[in-house]
Amino acid sequence: TIPAMRVLYQCIDFEPLRDPEFSQL
């Protein structure tokens, strides 16, 4: 699962929104 998610993450060129505080939203 983890290697597959890494490949998918790189393929779609996803940049998550950063949050210094952990926010569920």
mmCIF file of all heavy atoms, coordinates in Angstrom:
data_MODEL
# 
_entry.id   MODEL 
# 
loop_
_atom_site.group_PDB 
_atom_site.id 
_atom_site.type_symbol 
_atom_site.label_atom_id 
_atom_site.label_alt_id 
_atom_site.label_comp_id 
_atom_site.label_asym_id 
_atom_site.label_entity_id 
_atom_site.label_seq_id 
_atom_site.pdbx_PDB_ins_code 
_atom_site.Cartn_x 
_atom_site.Cartn_y 
_atom_site.Cartn_z 
_atom_site.occupancy 
_atom_site.B_iso_or_equiv 
_atom_site.pdbx_formal_charge 
_atom_site.auth_seq_id 
_atom_site.auth_comp_id 
_atom_site.auth_asym_id 
_atom_site.auth_atom_id 
_atom_site.pdbx_PDB_model_num 
ATOM 1   N N   . THR A 1 1  ? 0.808   -1.207 0.000   1.00 0.00 ? 1  THR A N   1 
ATOM 2   C CA  . THR A 1 1  ? 0.000   0.000  0.000   1.00 0.00 ? 1  THR A CA  1 
ATOM 3   C C   . THR A 1 1  ? 0.848   1.266  0.000   1.00 0.00 ? 1  THR A C   1 
ATOM 4   O O   . THR A 1 1  ? 0.606   2.176  -0.801  1.00 0.00 ? 1  THR A O   1 
ATOM 5   C CB  . THR A 1 1  ? -0.944  0.014  1.216   1.00 0.00 ? 1  THR A CB  1 
ATOM 6   O OG1 . THR A 1 1  ? -1.840  -1.090 1.104   1.00 0.00 ? 1  THR A OG1 1 
ATOM 7   C CG2 . THR A 1 1  ? -1.740  1.286  1.291   1.00 0.00 ? 1  THR A CG2 1 
ATOM 8   N N   . ILE A 1 2  ? 1.831   1.349  0.861   1.00 0.00 ? 2  ILE A N   1 
ATOM 9   C CA  . ILE A 1 2  ? 2.622   2.582  0.971   1.00 0.00 ? 2  ILE A CA  1 
ATOM 10  C C   . ILE A 1 2  ? 3.407   2.866  -0.313  1.00 0.00 ? 2  ILE A C   1 
ATOM 11  O O   . ILE A 1 2  ? 3.351   3.987  -0.822  1.00 0.00 ? 2  ILE A O   1 
ATOM 12  C CB  . ILE A 1 2  ? 3.538   2.540  2.210   1.00 0.00 ? 2  ILE A CB  1 
ATOM 13  C CG1 . ILE A 1 2  ? 2.660   2.594  3.459   1.00 0.00 ? 2  ILE A CG1 1 
ATOM 14  C CG2 . ILE A 1 2  ? 4.543   3.688  2.202   1.00 0.00 ? 2  ILE A CG2 1 
ATOM 15  C CD1 . ILE A 1 2  ? 3.400   2.433  4.751   1.00 0.00 ? 2  ILE A CD1 1 
ATOM 16  N N   . PRO A 1 3  ? 4.107   1.891  -0.899  1.00 0.00 ? 3  PRO A N   1 
ATOM 17  C CA  . PRO A 1 3  ? 4.777   2.194  -2.170  1.00 0.00 ? 3  PRO A CA  1 
ATOM 18  C C   . PRO A 1 3  ? 3.794   2.585  -3.275  1.00 0.00 ? 3  PRO A C   1 
ATOM 19  O O   . PRO A 1 3  ? 4.082   3.487  -4.068  1.00 0.00 ? 3  PRO A O   1 
ATOM 20  C CB  . PRO A 1 3  ? 5.502   0.888  -2.523  1.00 0.00 ? 3  PRO A CB  1 
ATOM 21  C CG  . PRO A 1 3  ? 5.655   0.173  -1.245  1.00 0.00 ? 3  PRO A CG  1 
ATOM 22  C CD  . PRO A 1 3  ? 4.486   0.552  -0.406  1.00 0.00 ? 3  PRO A CD  1 
ATOM 23  N N   . ALA A 1 4  ? 2.637   1.948  -3.321  1.00 0.00 ? 4  ALA A N   1 
ATOM 24  C CA  . ALA A 1 4  ? 1.647   2.296  -4.340  1.00 0.00 ? 4  ALA A CA  1 
ATOM 25  C C   . ALA A 1 4  ? 1.121   3.708  -4.138  1.00 0.00 ? 4  ALA A C   1 
ATOM 26  O O   . ALA A 1 4  ? 0.925   4.457  -5.101  1.00 0.00 ? 4  ALA A O   1 
ATOM 27  C CB  . ALA A 1 4  ? 0.494   1.296  -4.317  1.00 0.00 ? 4  ALA A CB  1 
ATOM 28  N N   . MET A 1 5  ? 0.908   4.092  -2.884  1.00 0.00 ? 5  MET A N   1 
ATOM 29  C CA  . MET A 1 5  ? 0.445   5.448  -2.606  1.00 0.00 ? 5  MET A CA  1 
ATOM 30  C C   . MET A 1 5  ? 1.517   6.475  -2.965  1.00 0.00 ? 5  MET A C   1 
ATOM 31  O O   . MET A 1 5  ? 1.205   7.560  -3.455  1.00 0.00 ? 5  MET A O   1 
ATOM 32  C CB  . MET A 1 5  ? 0.044   5.585  -1.134  1.00 0.00 ? 5  MET A CB  1 
ATOM 33  C CG  . MET A 1 5  ? -1.207  4.835  -0.759  1.00 0.00 ? 5  MET A CG  1 
ATOM 34  S SD  . MET A 1 5  ? -2.647  5.346  -1.687  1.00 0.00 ? 5  MET A SD  1 
ATOM 35  C CE  . MET A 1 5  ? -2.886  6.984  -1.045  1.00 0.00 ? 5  MET A CE  1 
ATOM 36  N N   . ARG A 1 6  ? 2.787   6.151  -2.744  1.00 0.00 ? 6  ARG A N   1 
ATOM 37  C CA  . ARG A 1 6  ? 3.869   7.068  -3.138  1.00 0.00 ? 6  ARG A CA  1 
ATOM 38  C C   . ARG A 1 6  ? 3.880   7.285  -4.644  1.00 0.00 ? 6  ARG A C   1 
ATOM 39  O O   . ARG A 1 6  ? 4.017   8.413  -5.113  1.00 0.00 ? 6  ARG A O   1 
ATOM 40  C CB  . ARG A 1 6  ? 5.218   6.506  -2.696  1.00 0.00 ? 6  ARG A CB  1 
ATOM 41  C CG  . ARG A 1 6  ? 5.561   6.814  -1.295  1.00 0.00 ? 6  ARG A CG  1 
ATOM 42  C CD  . ARG A 1 6  ? 7.029   6.515  -1.032  1.00 0.00 ? 6  ARG A CD  1 
ATOM 43  N NE  . ARG A 1 6  ? 7.204   6.359  0.391   1.00 0.00 ? 6  ARG A NE  1 
ATOM 44  C CZ  . ARG A 1 6  ? 7.798   5.343  0.969   1.00 0.00 ? 6  ARG A CZ  1 
ATOM 45  N NH1 . ARG A 1 6  ? 8.314   4.375  0.246   1.00 0.00 ? 6  ARG A NH1 1 
ATOM 46  N NH2 . ARG A 1 6  ? 7.905   5.294  2.276   1.00 0.00 ? 6  ARG A NH2 1 
ATOM 47  N N   . VAL A 1 7  ? 3.738   6.198  -5.388  1.00 0.00 ? 7  VAL A N   1 
ATOM 48  C CA  . VAL A 1 7  ? 3.730   6.303  -6.846  1.00 0.00 ? 7  VAL A CA  1 
ATOM 49  C C   . VAL A 1 7  ? 2.541   7.131  -7.306  1.00 0.00 ? 7  VAL A C   1 
ATOM 50  O O   . VAL A 1 7  ? 2.673   8.017  -8.165  1.00 0.00 ? 7  VAL A O   1 
ATOM 51  C CB  . VAL A 1 7  ? 3.705   4.889  -7.488  1.00 0.00 ? 7  VAL A CB  1 
ATOM 52  C CG1 . VAL A 1 7  ? 3.428   4.965  -8.972  1.00 0.00 ? 7  VAL A CG1 1 
ATOM 53  C CG2 . VAL A 1 7  ? 5.014   4.178  -7.212  1.00 0.00 ? 7  VAL A CG2 1 
ATOM 54  N N   . LEU A 1 8  ? 1.375   6.883  -6.737  1.00 0.00 ? 8  LEU A N   1 
ATOM 55  C CA  . LEU A 1 8  ? 0.179   7.649  -7.087  1.00 0.00 ? 8  LEU A CA  1 
ATOM 56  C C   . LEU A 1 8  ? 0.359   9.118  -6.727  1.00 0.00 ? 8  LEU A C   1 
ATOM 57  O O   . LEU A 1 8  ? 0.035   10.012 -7.511  1.00 0.00 ? 8  LEU A O   1 
ATOM 58  C CB  . LEU A 1 8  ? -1.044  7.068  -6.378  1.00 0.00 ? 8  LEU A CB  1 
ATOM 59  C CG  . LEU A 1 8  ? -2.377  7.767  -6.611  1.00 0.00 ? 8  LEU A CG  1 
ATOM 60  C CD1 . LEU A 1 8  ? -2.741  7.755  -8.085  1.00 0.00 ? 8  LEU A CD1 1 
ATOM 61  C CD2 . LEU A 1 8  ? -3.470  7.101  -5.787  1.00 0.00 ? 8  LEU A CD2 1 
ATOM 62  N N   . TYR A 1 9  ? 0.897   9.377  -5.561  1.00 0.00 ? 9  TYR A N   1 
ATOM 63  C CA  . TYR A 1 9  ? 1.135   10.743 -5.081  1.00 0.00 ? 9  TYR A CA  1 
ATOM 64  C C   . TYR A 1 9  ? 2.043   11.501 -6.043  1.00 0.00 ? 9  TYR A C   1 
ATOM 65  O O   . TYR A 1 9  ? 1.782   12.649 -6.393  1.00 0.00 ? 9  TYR A O   1 
ATOM 66  C CB  . TYR A 1 9  ? 1.753   10.633 -3.684  1.00 0.00 ? 9  TYR A CB  1 
ATOM 67  C CG  . TYR A 1 9  ? 1.975   11.925 -2.947  1.00 0.00 ? 9  TYR A CG  1 
ATOM 68  C CD1 . TYR A 1 9  ? 0.942   12.530 -2.263  1.00 0.00 ? 9  TYR A CD1 1 
ATOM 69  C CD2 . TYR A 1 9  ? 3.235   12.525 -2.907  1.00 0.00 ? 9  TYR A CD2 1 
ATOM 70  C CE1 . TYR A 1 9  ? 1.142   13.705 -1.556  1.00 0.00 ? 9  TYR A CE1 1 
ATOM 71  C CE2 . TYR A 1 9  ? 3.445   13.688 -2.209  1.00 0.00 ? 9  TYR A CE2 1 
ATOM 72  C CZ  . TYR A 1 9  ? 2.395   14.276 -1.535  1.00 0.00 ? 9  TYR A CZ  1 
ATOM 73  O OH  . TYR A 1 9  ? 2.592   15.435 -0.848  1.00 0.00 ? 9  TYR A OH  1 
ATOM 74  N N   . GLN A 1 10 ? 3.110   10.852 -6.494  1.00 0.00 ? 10 GLN A N   1 
ATOM 75  C CA  . GLN A 1 10 ? 4.036   11.491 -7.425  1.00 0.00 ? 10 GLN A CA  1 
ATOM 76  C C   . GLN A 1 10 ? 3.423   11.647 -8.813  1.00 0.00 ? 10 GLN A C   1 
ATOM 77  O O   . GLN A 1 10 ? 3.643   12.651 -9.487  1.00 0.00 ? 10 GLN A O   1 
ATOM 78  C CB  . GLN A 1 10 ? 5.331   10.694 -7.508  1.00 0.00 ? 10 GLN A CB  1 
ATOM 79  C CG  . GLN A 1 10 ? 6.144   10.758 -6.240  1.00 0.00 ? 10 GLN A CG  1 
ATOM 80  C CD  . GLN A 1 10 ? 7.301   9.786  -6.252  1.00 0.00 ? 10 GLN A CD  1 
ATOM 81  O OE1 . GLN A 1 10 ? 7.412   8.928  -7.131  1.00 0.00 ? 10 GLN A OE1 1 
ATOM 82  N NE2 . GLN A 1 10 ? 8.185   9.915  -5.268  1.00 0.00 ? 10 GLN A NE2 1 
ATOM 83  N N   . CYS A 1 11 ? 2.650   10.669 -9.227  1.00 0.00 ? 11 CYS A N   1 
ATOM 84  C CA  . CYS A 1 11 ? 2.061   10.697 -10.561 1.00 0.00 ? 11 CYS A CA  1 
ATOM 85  C C   . CYS A 1 11 ? 1.052   11.829 -10.705 1.00 0.00 ? 11 CYS A C   1 
ATOM 86  O O   . CYS A 1 11 ? 1.027   12.510 -11.728 1.00 0.00 ? 11 CYS A O   1 
ATOM 87  C CB  . CYS A 1 11 ? 1.403   9.351  -10.857 1.00 0.00 ? 11 CYS A CB  1 
ATOM 88  S SG  . CYS A 1 11 ? 0.680   9.232  -12.511 1.00 0.00 ? 11 CYS A SG  1 
ATOM 89  N N   . ILE A 1 12 ? 0.229   12.037 -9.699  1.00 0.00 ? 12 ILE A N   1 
ATOM 90  C CA  . ILE A 1 12 ? -0.776  13.102 -9.813  1.00 0.00 ? 12 ILE A CA  1 
ATOM 91  C C   . ILE A 1 12 ? -0.210  14.459 -9.423  1.00 0.00 ? 12 ILE A C   1 
ATOM 92  O O   . ILE A 1 12 ? -0.886  15.469 -9.546  1.00 0.00 ? 12 ILE A O   1 
ATOM 93  C CB  . ILE A 1 12 ? -2.051  12.811 -8.990  1.00 0.00 ? 12 ILE A CB  1 
ATOM 94  C CG1 . ILE A 1 12 ? -1.761  12.782 -7.497  1.00 0.00 ? 12 ILE A CG1 1 
ATOM 95  C CG2 . ILE A 1 12 ? -2.717  11.556 -9.452  1.00 0.00 ? 12 ILE A CG2 1 
ATOM 96  C CD1 . ILE A 1 12 ? -3.005  12.689 -6.649  1.00 0.00 ? 12 ILE A CD1 1 
ATOM 97  N N   . ASP A 1 13 ? 1.048   14.480 -8.974  1.00 0.00 ? 13 ASP A N   1 
ATOM 98  C CA  . ASP A 1 13 ? 1.729   15.713 -8.605  1.00 0.00 ? 13 ASP A CA  1 
ATOM 99  C C   . ASP A 1 13 ? 0.907   16.490 -7.577  1.00 0.00 ? 13 ASP A C   1 
ATOM 100 O O   . ASP A 1 13 ? 0.559   17.652 -7.766  1.00 0.00 ? 13 ASP A O   1 
ATOM 101 C CB  . ASP A 1 13 ? 1.999   16.566 -9.847  1.00 0.00 ? 13 ASP A CB  1 
ATOM 102 C CG  . ASP A 1 13 ? 2.974   17.681 -9.567  1.00 0.00 ? 13 ASP A CG  1 
ATOM 103 O OD1 . ASP A 1 13 ? 3.840   17.503 -8.686  1.00 0.00 ? 13 ASP A OD1 1 
ATOM 104 O OD2 . ASP A 1 13 ? 2.867   18.738 -10.206 1.00 0.00 ? 13 ASP A OD2 1 
ATOM 105 N N   . PHE A 1 14 ? 0.617   15.808 -6.476  1.00 0.00 ? 14 PHE A N   1 
ATOM 106 C CA  . PHE A 1 14 ? -0.231  16.377 -5.430  1.00 0.00 ? 14 PHE A CA  1 
ATOM 107 C C   . PHE A 1 14 ? 0.605   17.129 -4.415  1.00 0.00 ? 14 PHE A C   1 
ATOM 108 O O   . PHE A 1 14 ? 1.614   16.627 -3.925  1.00 0.00 ? 14 PHE A O   1 
ATOM 109 C CB  . PHE A 1 14 ? -1.014  15.255 -4.739  1.00 0.00 ? 14 PHE A CB  1 
ATOM 110 C CG  . PHE A 1 14 ? -1.872  15.722 -3.602  1.00 0.00 ? 14 PHE A CG  1 
ATOM 111 C CD1 . PHE A 1 14 ? -2.976  16.518 -3.833  1.00 0.00 ? 14 PHE A CD1 1 
ATOM 112 C CD2 . PHE A 1 14 ? -1.566  15.360 -2.305  1.00 0.00 ? 14 PHE A CD2 1 
ATOM 113 C CE1 . PHE A 1 14 ? -3.768  16.947 -2.787  1.00 0.00 ? 14 PHE A CE1 1 
ATOM 114 C CE2 . PHE A 1 14 ? -2.362  15.776 -1.249  1.00 0.00 ? 14 PHE A CE2 1 
ATOM 115 C CZ  . PHE A 1 14 ? -3.461  16.579 -1.497  1.00 0.00 ? 14 PHE A CZ  1 
ATOM 116 N N   . GLU A 1 15 ? 0.203   18.331 -4.114  1.00 0.00 ? 15 GLU A N   1 
ATOM 117 C CA  . GLU A 1 15 ? 0.848   19.133 -3.074  1.00 0.00 ? 15 GLU A CA  1 
ATOM 118 C C   . GLU A 1 15 ? -0.197  19.447 -2.011  1.00 0.00 ? 15 GLU A C   1 
ATOM 119 O O   . GLU A 1 15 ? -1.072  20.281 -2.220  1.00 0.00 ? 15 GLU A O   1 
ATOM 120 C CB  . GLU A 1 15 ? 1.410   20.434 -3.674  1.00 0.00 ? 15 GLU A CB  1 
ATOM 121 C CG  . GLU A 1 15 ? 2.267   21.224 -2.722  1.00 0.00 ? 15 GLU A CG  1 
ATOM 122 C CD  . GLU A 1 15 ? 3.515   20.475 -2.277  1.00 0.00 ? 15 GLU A CD  1 
ATOM 123 O OE1 . GLU A 1 15 ? 4.115   19.759 -3.085  1.00 0.00 ? 15 GLU A OE1 1 
ATOM 124 O OE2 . GLU A 1 15 ? 3.869   20.601 -1.086  1.00 0.00 ? 15 GLU A OE2 1 
ATOM 125 N N   . PRO A 1 16 ? -0.134  18.769 -0.854  1.00 0.00 ? 16 PRO A N   1 
ATOM 126 C CA  . PRO A 1 16 ? -1.160  18.995 0.170   1.00 0.00 ? 16 PRO A CA  1 
ATOM 127 C C   . PRO A 1 16 ? -1.041  20.379 0.798   1.00 0.00 ? 16 PRO A C   1 
ATOM 128 O O   . PRO A 1 16 ? 0.032   20.985 0.803   1.00 0.00 ? 16 PRO A O   1 
ATOM 129 C CB  . PRO A 1 16 ? -0.882  17.904 1.202   1.00 0.00 ? 16 PRO A CB  1 
ATOM 130 C CG  . PRO A 1 16 ? 0.555   17.598 1.035   1.00 0.00 ? 16 PRO A CG  1 
ATOM 131 C CD  . PRO A 1 16 ? 0.863   17.810 -0.430  1.00 0.00 ? 16 PRO A CD  1 
ATOM 132 N N   . LEU A 1 17 ? -2.157  20.850 1.306   1.00 0.00 ? 17 LEU A N   1 
ATOM 133 C CA  . LEU A 1 17 ? -2.156  22.105 2.048   1.00 0.00 ? 17 LEU A CA  1 
ATOM 134 C C   . LEU A 1 17 ? -1.467  21.857 3.387   1.00 0.00 ? 17 LEU A C   1 
ATOM 135 O O   . LEU A 1 17 ? -1.805  20.919 4.101   1.00 0.00 ? 17 LEU A O   1 
ATOM 136 C CB  . LEU A 1 17 ? -3.595  22.574 2.280   1.00 0.00 ? 17 LEU A CB  1 
ATOM 137 C CG  . LEU A 1 17 ? -4.429  22.837 1.035   1.00 0.00 ? 17 LEU A CG  1 
ATOM 138 C CD1 . LEU A 1 17 ? -5.878  23.101 1.434   1.00 0.00 ? 17 LEU A CD1 1 
ATOM 139 C CD2 . LEU A 1 17 ? -3.867  23.995 0.246   1.00 0.00 ? 17 LEU A CD2 1 
ATOM 140 N N   . ARG A 1 18 ? -0.501  22.676 3.707   1.00 0.00 ? 18 ARG A N   1 
ATOM 141 C CA  . ARG A 1 18 ? 0.246   22.511 4.953   1.00 0.00 ? 18 ARG A CA  1 
ATOM 142 C C   . ARG A 1 18 ? -0.503  23.183 6.090   1.00 0.00 ? 18 ARG A C   1 
ATOM 143 O O   . ARG A 1 18 ? -1.116  24.226 5.914   1.00 0.00 ? 18 ARG A O   1 
ATOM 144 C CB  . ARG A 1 18 ? 1.641   23.120 4.838   1.00 0.00 ? 18 ARG A CB  1 
ATOM 145 C CG  . ARG A 1 18 ? 2.474   22.513 3.735   1.00 0.00 ? 18 ARG A CG  1 
ATOM 146 C CD  . ARG A 1 18 ? 2.904   21.131 4.104   1.00 0.00 ? 18 ARG A CD  1 
ATOM 147 N NE  . ARG A 1 18 ? 3.673   20.568 2.988   1.00 0.00 ? 18 ARG A NE  1 
ATOM 148 C CZ  . ARG A 1 18 ? 3.935   19.313 2.873   1.00 0.00 ? 18 ARG A CZ  1 
ATOM 149 N NH1 . ARG A 1 18 ? 3.510   18.466 3.773   1.00 0.00 ? 18 ARG A NH1 1 
ATOM 150 N NH2 . ARG A 1 18 ? 4.624   18.875 1.857   1.00 0.00 ? 18 ARG A NH2 1 
ATOM 151 N N   . ASP A 1 19 ? -0.419  22.551 7.251   1.00 0.00 ? 19 ASP A N   1 
ATOM 152 C CA  . ASP A 1 19 ? -1.085  23.087 8.426   1.00 0.00 ? 19 ASP A CA  1 
ATOM 153 C C   . ASP A 1 19 ? -0.189  22.857 9.627   1.00 0.00 ? 19 ASP A C   1 
ATOM 154 O O   . ASP A 1 19 ? 0.073   21.705 9.991   1.00 0.00 ? 19 ASP A O   1 
ATOM 155 C CB  . ASP A 1 19 ? -2.435  22.386 8.620   1.00 0.00 ? 19 ASP A CB  1 
ATOM 156 C CG  . ASP A 1 19 ? -3.275  23.020 9.701   1.00 0.00 ? 19 ASP A CG  1 
ATOM 157 O OD1 . ASP A 1 19 ? -2.927  24.120 10.152  1.00 0.00 ? 19 ASP A OD1 1 
ATOM 158 O OD2 . ASP A 1 19 ? -4.282  22.410 10.084  1.00 0.00 ? 19 ASP A OD2 1 
ATOM 159 N N   . PRO A 1 20 ? 0.335   23.935 10.245  1.00 0.00 ? 20 PRO A N   1 
ATOM 160 C CA  . PRO A 1 20 ? 1.208   23.733 11.405  1.00 0.00 ? 20 PRO A CA  1 
ATOM 161 C C   . PRO A 1 20 ? 0.481   23.058 12.564  1.00 0.00 ? 20 PRO A C   1 
ATOM 162 O O   . PRO A 1 20 ? 1.075   22.291 13.304  1.00 0.00 ? 20 PRO A O   1 
ATOM 163 C CB  . PRO A 1 20 ? 1.665   25.147 11.783  1.00 0.00 ? 20 PRO A CB  1 
ATOM 164 C CG  . PRO A 1 20 ? 0.763   26.081 11.053  1.00 0.00 ? 20 PRO A CG  1 
ATOM 165 C CD  . PRO A 1 20 ? 0.131   25.333 9.929   1.00 0.00 ? 20 PRO A CD  1 
ATOM 166 N N   . GLU A 1 21 ? -0.795  23.330 12.702  1.00 0.00 ? 21 GLU A N   1 
ATOM 167 C CA  . GLU A 1 21 ? -1.610  22.653 13.699  1.00 0.00 ? 21 GLU A CA  1 
ATOM 168 C C   . GLU A 1 21 ? -2.391  21.569 12.974  1.00 0.00 ? 21 GLU A C   1 
ATOM 169 O O   . GLU A 1 21 ? -2.832  21.760 11.860  1.00 0.00 ? 21 GLU A O   1 
ATOM 170 C CB  . GLU A 1 21 ? -2.589  23.631 14.345  1.00 0.00 ? 21 GLU A CB  1 
ATOM 171 C CG  . GLU A 1 21 ? -1.923  24.786 15.031  1.00 0.00 ? 21 GLU A CG  1 
ATOM 172 C CD  . GLU A 1 21 ? -2.944  25.813 15.491  1.00 0.00 ? 21 GLU A CD  1 
ATOM 173 O OE1 . GLU A 1 21 ? -4.151  25.540 15.404  1.00 0.00 ? 21 GLU A OE1 1 
ATOM 174 O OE2 . GLU A 1 21 ? -2.525  26.885 15.924  1.00 0.00 ? 21 GLU A OE2 1 
ATOM 175 N N   . PHE A 1 22 ? -2.540  20.438 13.609  1.00 0.00 ? 22 PHE A N   1 
ATOM 176 C CA  . PHE A 1 22 ? -3.285  19.359 12.975  1.00 0.00 ? 22 PHE A CA  1 
ATOM 177 C C   . PHE A 1 22 ? -4.768  19.710 12.962  1.00 0.00 ? 22 PHE A C   1 
ATOM 178 O O   . PHE A 1 22 ? -5.394  19.866 13.995  1.00 0.00 ? 22 PHE A O   1 
ATOM 179 C CB  . PHE A 1 22 ? -3.063  18.035 13.710  1.00 0.00 ? 22 PHE A CB  1 
ATOM 180 C CG  . PHE A 1 22 ? -3.805  16.898 13.073  1.00 0.00 ? 22 PHE A CG  1 
ATOM 181 C CD1 . PHE A 1 22 ? -3.372  16.362 11.882  1.00 0.00 ? 22 PHE A CD1 1 
ATOM 182 C CD2 . PHE A 1 22 ? -4.954  16.393 13.652  1.00 0.00 ? 22 PHE A CD2 1 
ATOM 183 C CE1 . PHE A 1 22 ? -4.053  15.327 11.288  1.00 0.00 ? 22 PHE A CE1 1 
ATOM 184 C CE2 . PHE A 1 22 ? -5.642  15.352 13.059  1.00 0.00 ? 22 PHE A CE2 1 
ATOM 185 C CZ  . PHE A 1 22 ? -5.184  14.825 11.879  1.00 0.00 ? 22 PHE A CZ  1 
ATOM 186 N N   . SER A 1 23 ? -5.309  19.833 11.781  1.00 0.00 ? 23 SER A N   1 
ATOM 187 C CA  . SER A 1 23 ? -6.715  20.182 11.624  1.00 0.00 ? 23 SER A CA  1 
ATOM 188 C C   . SER A 1 23 ? -7.411  19.069 10.857  1.00 0.00 ? 23 SER A C   1 
ATOM 189 O O   . SER A 1 23 ? -6.979  18.691 9.765   1.00 0.00 ? 23 SER A O   1 
ATOM 190 C CB  . SER A 1 23 ? -6.841  21.500 10.870  1.00 0.00 ? 23 SER A CB  1 
ATOM 191 O OG  . SER A 1 23 ? -8.170  21.712 10.453  1.00 0.00 ? 23 SER A OG  1 
ATOM 192 N N   . GLN A 1 24 ? -8.486  18.557 11.423  1.00 0.00 ? 24 GLN A N   1 
ATOM 193 C CA  . GLN A 1 24 ? -9.227  17.496 10.744  1.00 0.00 ? 24 GLN A CA  1 
ATOM 194 C C   . GLN A 1 24 ? -9.882  18.007 9.470   1.00 0.00 ? 24 GLN A C   1 
ATOM 195 O O   . GLN A 1 24 ? -9.996  17.275 8.492   1.00 0.00 ? 24 GLN A O   1 
ATOM 196 C CB  . GLN A 1 24 ? -10.264 16.897 11.675  1.00 0.00 ? 24 GLN A CB  1 
ATOM 197 C CG  . GLN A 1 24 ? -9.643  16.108 12.798  1.00 0.00 ? 24 GLN A CG  1 
ATOM 198 C CD  . GLN A 1 24 ? -10.683 15.493 13.709  1.00 0.00 ? 24 GLN A CD  1 
ATOM 199 O OE1 . GLN A 1 24 ? -11.859 15.790 13.621  1.00 0.00 ? 24 GLN A OE1 1 
ATOM 200 N NE2 . GLN A 1 24 ? -10.238 14.624 14.589  1.00 0.00 ? 24 GLN A NE2 1 
ATOM 201 N N   . LEU A 1 25 ? -10.320 19.257 9.477   1.00 0.00 ? 25 LEU A N   1 
ATOM 202 C CA  . LEU A 1 25 ? -10.926 19.827 8.267   1.00 0.00 ? 25 LEU A CA  1 
ATOM 203 C C   . LEU A 1 25 ? -9.893  19.967 7.153   1.00 0.00 ? 25 LEU A C   1 
ATOM 204 O O   . LEU A 1 25 ? -10.191 19.712 5.987   1.00 0.00 ? 25 LEU A O   1 
ATOM 205 C CB  . LEU A 1 25 ? -11.564 21.180 8.577   1.00 0.00 ? 25 LEU A CB  1 
ATOM 206 C CG  . LEU A 1 25 ? -12.768 21.135 9.508   1.00 0.00 ? 25 LEU A CG  1 
ATOM 207 C CD1 . LEU A 1 25 ? -13.262 22.537 9.804   1.00 0.00 ? 25 LEU A CD1 1 
ATOM 208 C CD2 . LEU A 1 25 ? -13.888 20.294 8.905   1.00 0.00 ? 25 LEU A CD2 1 
# 
